[in-house]
N, C-alpha and C. Protein backbone atom coordinates (compact mmCIF):
# COMPACT_ATOMS: atom_id res chain seq x y z
N MET A 1 222.04 37.21 138.97
CA MET A 1 221.74 38.67 139.01
C MET A 1 220.40 38.70 139.79
N ALA A 2 220.32 39.63 140.69
CA ALA A 2 219.01 39.76 141.60
C ALA A 2 217.96 40.48 140.74
N TYR A 3 216.75 40.08 140.99
CA TYR A 3 215.70 40.77 140.35
C TYR A 3 215.42 42.12 140.89
N GLU A 4 215.23 43.12 140.05
CA GLU A 4 214.94 44.47 140.45
C GLU A 4 213.59 44.91 140.15
N SER A 5 212.67 44.90 141.04
CA SER A 5 211.30 45.25 140.85
C SER A 5 211.14 46.81 140.53
N LYS A 6 210.17 47.01 139.70
CA LYS A 6 209.87 48.52 139.41
C LYS A 6 209.13 49.14 140.62
N PHE A 7 208.58 48.26 141.56
CA PHE A 7 207.91 48.70 142.61
C PHE A 7 208.68 48.85 143.88
N LYS A 8 210.00 48.52 143.91
CA LYS A 8 210.86 48.52 144.97
C LYS A 8 210.88 49.78 145.80
N ARG A 9 210.56 49.71 147.10
CA ARG A 9 210.51 50.80 148.06
C ARG A 9 210.80 50.23 149.40
N ASP A 10 211.34 51.04 150.29
CA ASP A 10 211.61 50.52 151.61
C ASP A 10 210.44 50.03 152.40
N ASP A 11 209.17 50.59 152.28
CA ASP A 11 207.97 50.12 152.99
C ASP A 11 207.63 48.78 152.38
N ILE A 12 207.80 48.60 151.12
CA ILE A 12 207.49 47.31 150.54
C ILE A 12 208.36 46.31 150.94
N ASP A 13 209.66 46.67 150.94
CA ASP A 13 210.61 45.74 151.55
C ASP A 13 210.24 45.24 152.91
N GLU A 14 209.82 46.13 153.79
CA GLU A 14 209.42 45.89 155.16
C GLU A 14 208.27 44.89 155.14
N LEU A 15 207.31 45.18 154.34
CA LEU A 15 206.17 44.23 154.22
C LEU A 15 206.58 42.87 153.79
N PHE A 16 207.47 42.75 152.86
CA PHE A 16 207.89 41.37 152.41
C PHE A 16 208.72 40.74 153.46
N ASP A 17 209.58 41.46 154.16
CA ASP A 17 210.36 40.90 155.28
C ASP A 17 209.31 40.39 156.30
N ALA A 18 208.22 41.11 156.61
CA ALA A 18 207.23 40.61 157.62
C ALA A 18 206.61 39.30 157.06
N VAL A 19 206.32 39.21 155.80
CA VAL A 19 205.69 38.01 155.23
C VAL A 19 206.74 36.84 155.41
N LEU A 20 207.97 37.11 155.12
CA LEU A 20 208.89 36.08 155.36
C LEU A 20 209.19 35.62 156.75
N THR A 21 208.68 36.29 157.77
CA THR A 21 208.75 35.84 159.12
C THR A 21 207.65 34.89 159.47
N LEU A 22 206.61 34.78 158.62
CA LEU A 22 205.54 33.86 158.89
C LEU A 22 206.00 32.42 158.91
N GLU A 23 205.62 31.65 159.95
CA GLU A 23 206.21 30.33 160.16
C GLU A 23 205.27 29.15 159.63
N ASP A 24 203.92 29.43 159.64
CA ASP A 24 203.02 28.37 159.36
C ASP A 24 201.69 28.95 158.96
N ARG A 25 200.85 28.10 158.57
CA ARG A 25 199.49 28.56 157.99
C ARG A 25 198.74 29.40 159.04
N GLU A 26 198.83 29.10 160.26
CA GLU A 26 198.10 29.92 161.32
C GLU A 26 198.72 31.23 161.30
N ASP A 27 200.07 31.39 161.33
CA ASP A 27 200.61 32.71 161.21
C ASP A 27 200.17 33.54 160.11
N CYS A 28 199.97 32.72 158.95
CA CYS A 28 199.46 33.48 157.69
C CYS A 28 198.02 33.96 157.90
N TYR A 29 197.22 33.08 158.44
CA TYR A 29 195.77 33.49 158.68
C TYR A 29 195.71 34.67 159.59
N ARG A 30 196.43 34.68 160.67
CA ARG A 30 196.46 35.78 161.70
C ARG A 30 196.94 37.06 160.97
N PHE A 31 198.05 37.06 160.29
CA PHE A 31 198.64 38.16 159.70
C PHE A 31 197.78 38.81 158.59
N PHE A 32 197.38 37.96 157.66
CA PHE A 32 196.60 38.42 156.54
C PHE A 32 195.12 38.89 156.96
N GLU A 33 194.61 38.20 157.96
CA GLU A 33 193.25 38.76 158.50
C GLU A 33 193.44 40.13 158.99
N ASP A 34 194.59 40.37 159.64
CA ASP A 34 194.86 41.79 160.14
C ASP A 34 195.21 42.85 159.18
N ILE A 35 195.92 42.34 158.17
CA ILE A 35 196.46 43.36 157.15
C ILE A 35 195.64 43.62 155.95
N CYS A 36 194.72 42.52 155.60
CA CYS A 36 193.84 42.74 154.44
C CYS A 36 192.43 42.62 154.88
N THR A 37 191.60 43.10 153.91
CA THR A 37 190.13 42.92 154.15
C THR A 37 189.78 41.45 153.65
N VAL A 38 188.67 41.00 153.99
CA VAL A 38 188.27 39.67 153.59
C VAL A 38 188.16 39.64 152.01
N ASN A 39 187.70 40.57 151.41
CA ASN A 39 187.63 40.74 149.96
C ASN A 39 188.93 40.62 149.32
N GLU A 40 189.95 41.35 149.83
CA GLU A 40 191.33 41.33 149.31
C GLU A 40 191.95 39.89 149.46
N ILE A 41 191.65 39.20 150.57
CA ILE A 41 192.19 37.86 150.74
C ILE A 41 191.62 36.95 149.67
N HIS A 42 190.29 37.01 149.40
CA HIS A 42 189.56 36.22 148.46
C HIS A 42 190.07 36.58 147.09
N ALA A 43 190.29 37.84 146.80
CA ALA A 43 190.80 38.17 145.41
C ALA A 43 192.23 37.66 145.07
N ILE A 44 193.03 37.73 146.14
CA ILE A 44 194.43 37.15 146.01
C ILE A 44 194.37 35.67 145.83
N ALA A 45 193.57 34.98 146.58
CA ALA A 45 193.41 33.52 146.55
C ALA A 45 192.88 33.19 145.09
N GLN A 46 191.84 33.92 144.67
CA GLN A 46 191.24 33.71 143.38
C GLN A 46 192.24 33.83 142.30
N ARG A 47 193.07 34.90 142.33
CA ARG A 47 194.13 35.07 141.34
C ARG A 47 195.10 33.90 141.27
N LEU A 48 195.53 33.41 142.37
CA LEU A 48 196.37 32.24 142.54
C LEU A 48 195.80 30.97 141.80
N GLN A 49 194.41 30.84 142.08
CA GLN A 49 193.79 29.64 141.49
C GLN A 49 193.67 29.78 139.98
N VAL A 50 193.45 31.18 139.48
CA VAL A 50 193.37 31.37 138.02
C VAL A 50 194.67 31.02 137.35
N ALA A 51 195.73 31.48 138.07
CA ALA A 51 197.11 31.18 137.46
C ALA A 51 197.31 29.66 137.45
N LYS A 52 196.96 28.99 138.46
CA LYS A 52 197.07 27.58 138.55
C LYS A 52 196.35 26.84 137.37
N LEU A 53 195.16 27.32 137.22
CA LEU A 53 194.27 26.66 136.17
C LEU A 53 194.88 27.04 134.80
N LEU A 54 195.35 28.25 134.57
CA LEU A 54 195.92 28.61 133.29
C LEU A 54 197.16 27.84 132.98
N SER A 55 197.88 27.57 134.01
CA SER A 55 199.10 26.78 133.89
C SER A 55 198.77 25.26 133.50
N GLN A 56 197.62 24.87 133.95
CA GLN A 56 197.04 23.59 133.64
C GLN A 56 196.35 23.43 132.28
N LYS A 57 196.48 24.58 131.51
CA LYS A 57 195.94 24.77 130.16
C LYS A 57 194.40 24.63 130.10
N LYS A 58 193.74 25.11 131.26
CA LYS A 58 192.28 25.14 131.22
C LYS A 58 191.82 26.30 130.30
N THR A 59 190.68 26.30 129.79
CA THR A 59 190.20 27.40 128.97
C THR A 59 189.56 28.54 129.81
N TYR A 60 189.50 29.68 129.25
CA TYR A 60 188.92 30.84 130.07
C TYR A 60 187.57 30.46 130.53
N SER A 61 186.71 29.84 129.69
CA SER A 61 185.37 29.50 130.24
C SER A 61 185.47 28.48 131.36
N GLU A 62 186.29 27.48 131.22
CA GLU A 62 186.35 26.48 132.39
C GLU A 62 186.79 27.28 133.63
N ILE A 63 187.81 28.26 133.55
CA ILE A 63 188.41 28.91 134.68
C ILE A 63 187.29 29.96 135.28
N GLU A 64 186.46 30.51 134.30
CA GLU A 64 185.53 31.35 134.76
C GLU A 64 184.46 30.64 135.57
N GLU A 65 184.07 29.47 135.01
CA GLU A 65 183.09 28.63 135.75
C GLU A 65 183.68 28.15 137.15
N ILE A 66 184.81 27.74 137.24
CA ILE A 66 185.39 27.13 138.49
C ILE A 66 185.71 28.29 139.41
N THR A 67 186.24 29.41 139.08
CA THR A 67 186.64 30.46 139.96
C THR A 67 185.74 31.63 140.18
N LYS A 68 184.84 31.76 139.20
CA LYS A 68 183.93 33.01 139.12
C LYS A 68 184.65 34.30 138.80
N ALA A 69 185.97 34.09 138.34
CA ALA A 69 186.74 35.29 137.96
C ALA A 69 186.11 35.78 136.57
N SER A 70 186.26 37.09 136.40
CA SER A 70 185.89 37.72 135.23
C SER A 70 186.92 37.40 134.15
N THR A 71 186.55 37.41 132.87
CA THR A 71 187.43 37.13 131.66
C THR A 71 188.57 38.22 131.70
N ALA A 72 188.26 39.41 132.18
CA ALA A 72 189.33 40.53 132.27
C ALA A 72 190.35 40.03 133.30
N THR A 73 189.96 39.55 134.50
CA THR A 73 190.92 39.11 135.49
C THR A 73 191.80 37.96 134.93
N ILE A 74 191.02 36.98 134.28
CA ILE A 74 191.74 35.84 133.74
C ILE A 74 192.74 36.32 132.63
N SER A 75 192.40 37.27 131.85
CA SER A 75 193.34 37.76 130.83
C SER A 75 194.57 38.47 131.46
N ARG A 76 194.22 39.26 132.53
CA ARG A 76 195.38 40.02 133.17
C ARG A 76 196.31 39.04 133.81
N ILE A 77 195.83 37.95 134.33
CA ILE A 77 196.69 37.04 135.03
C ILE A 77 197.53 36.22 133.99
N ASN A 78 196.89 35.89 132.82
CA ASN A 78 197.49 35.24 131.69
C ASN A 78 198.71 36.10 131.22
N LYS A 79 198.47 37.51 131.14
CA LYS A 79 199.49 38.32 130.73
C LYS A 79 200.72 38.24 131.69
N CYS A 80 200.36 38.15 132.95
CA CYS A 80 201.42 38.01 133.99
C CYS A 80 202.26 36.80 133.78
N LEU A 81 201.45 35.66 133.54
CA LEU A 81 202.19 34.37 133.30
C LEU A 81 203.14 34.40 132.10
N VAL A 82 202.68 35.17 131.08
CA VAL A 82 203.37 35.20 129.83
C VAL A 82 204.55 36.29 129.85
N TYR A 83 204.17 37.47 130.37
CA TYR A 83 205.14 38.53 130.35
C TYR A 83 205.53 39.09 131.63
N GLY A 84 205.14 38.51 132.76
CA GLY A 84 205.38 39.14 134.13
C GLY A 84 206.78 38.79 134.65
N ALA A 85 206.88 38.88 135.91
CA ALA A 85 208.17 38.82 136.64
C ALA A 85 208.44 37.28 137.05
N ASP A 86 207.59 36.37 136.62
CA ASP A 86 207.75 34.92 136.93
C ASP A 86 207.36 34.56 138.33
N GLY A 87 206.72 35.54 138.99
CA GLY A 87 206.27 35.14 140.32
C GLY A 87 205.26 34.07 140.52
N TYR A 88 204.30 34.07 139.63
CA TYR A 88 203.25 32.95 139.67
C TYR A 88 204.03 31.64 139.35
N GLN A 89 204.79 31.56 138.32
CA GLN A 89 205.43 30.36 137.96
C GLN A 89 206.41 29.80 139.09
N ARG A 90 207.08 30.71 139.72
CA ARG A 90 207.95 30.25 140.79
C ARG A 90 207.15 29.67 141.99
N VAL A 91 206.04 30.29 142.28
CA VAL A 91 205.21 29.81 143.41
C VAL A 91 204.50 28.51 143.01
N LEU A 92 203.97 28.47 141.83
CA LEU A 92 203.23 27.31 141.33
C LEU A 92 204.11 26.08 141.28
N LYS A 93 205.39 26.28 140.89
CA LYS A 93 206.31 25.26 140.80
C LYS A 93 206.62 24.69 142.18
N ARG A 94 206.84 25.58 143.12
CA ARG A 94 207.08 25.09 144.45
C ARG A 94 205.96 24.46 145.18
N LEU A 95 204.70 24.95 144.87
CA LEU A 95 203.59 24.25 145.41
C LEU A 95 203.39 22.85 144.92
N LYS A 96 203.67 22.75 143.47
CA LYS A 96 203.70 21.43 142.82
C LYS A 96 204.64 20.44 143.41
N GLU A 97 205.93 21.03 143.68
CA GLU A 97 206.97 20.21 144.36
C GLU A 97 206.49 19.68 145.70
N GLN A 98 205.89 20.56 146.52
CA GLN A 98 205.43 20.18 147.81
C GLN A 98 204.37 19.11 147.62
N GLU A 99 203.48 19.33 146.79
CA GLU A 99 202.36 18.39 146.45
C GLU A 99 202.98 16.97 146.13
N ASP A 100 203.98 16.93 145.34
CA ASP A 100 204.53 15.67 144.87
C ASP A 100 205.34 14.97 145.90
N GLN A 101 205.64 15.63 147.04
CA GLN A 101 206.44 14.94 148.12
C GLN A 101 205.55 13.96 148.98
C-alpha cells in the first residue's frame, strides 16, 4: 500500500519530482543553494544529524553539545522518529547501508 501524506499537493509532488532528478552531490548543492536559504540548508542538515544521533541512542545533552540544536528541536525530531512517517528511519537506514559498502 502506498503512503498517503497529509501534505500531498500537486506543487509538492512537482518539488519532489525535481529532487528525484538530482544525479549527484554537485546537482544537490546547485539546486538547494538556489531553492533554499543558507539557514534553511543548515537547519535541514542539523535535523538529519539530530535524527542520526537519536538513532544512535545519544542523550539530549550530547546531541545539544554536538549539533547546537535546541532541546525543543531534538524533542520534535524524536517525536518524528517515534510517531512520524518513517522518513528519517528510511533515509538513515539507506545511508548506513551505503556506509557499510
